[in-house]
Amino acid sequence: MPLIGREKELSQLAGACAGARAGQGGVILISGEAGIGKSRLVQ
């Protein structure tokens, strides 16, 4: 099932993953209230 309305967040995650593959360091923090889709976003 695709995520709706999370294009910006998915793009940021993809960019961070691409940077990690290219040898750039960094941290990704995903936080928020219970039930807003944090786990789904990461999956």
Protein backbone atom coordinates (compact mmCIF):
# COMPACT_ATOMS: atom_id res chain seq x y z
CA MET A 1 0.00 0.00 0.00
CA PRO A 2 1.56 3.32 -1.01
CA LEU A 3 1.91 6.20 1.42
CA ILE A 4 -0.25 9.18 0.56
CA GLY A 5 1.00 12.69 1.29
CA ARG A 6 4.51 11.65 2.32
CA GLU A 7 6.40 12.45 -0.87
CA LYS A 8 8.64 15.01 0.86
CA GLU A 9 9.54 12.62 3.67
CA LEU A 10 10.19 9.72 1.30
CA SER A 11 12.41 11.95 -0.83
CA GLN A 12 14.41 13.02 2.22
CA LEU A 13 14.87 9.40 3.31
CA ALA A 14 15.92 8.36 -0.18
CA GLY A 15 18.44 11.20 -0.29
CA ALA A 16 19.89 10.22 3.08
CA CYS A 17 20.19 6.59 2.00
CA ALA A 18 21.90 7.62 -1.24
CA GLY A 19 24.32 9.75 0.75
CA ALA A 20 25.11 6.82 3.05
CA ARG A 21 25.85 4.62 0.02
CA ALA A 22 28.18 7.35 -1.25
CA GLY A 23 30.07 7.39 2.05
CA GLN A 24 28.48 10.45 3.63
CA GLY A 25 27.62 10.22 7.31
CA GLY A 26 24.45 11.43 8.91
CA VAL A 27 21.57 10.72 11.25
CA ILE A 28 17.90 10.21 10.52
CA LEU A 29 15.49 10.82 13.41
CA ILE A 30 11.87 9.84 12.99
CA SER A 31 9.67 10.90 15.89
CA GLY A 32 6.05 11.70 16.53
CA GLU A 33 2.86 10.71 18.25
CA ALA A 34 1.70 7.10 18.29
CA GLY A 35 -0.27 6.07 15.23
CA ILE A 36 0.92 8.70 12.73
CA GLY A 37 2.78 6.26 10.47
CA LYS A 38 6.41 6.34 11.60
CA SER A 39 6.91 2.60 11.21
CA ARG A 40 5.07 2.57 7.88
CA LEU A 41 7.26 5.40 6.60
CA VAL A 42 10.43 3.49 7.46
CA GLN A 43 9.16 0.25 5.90
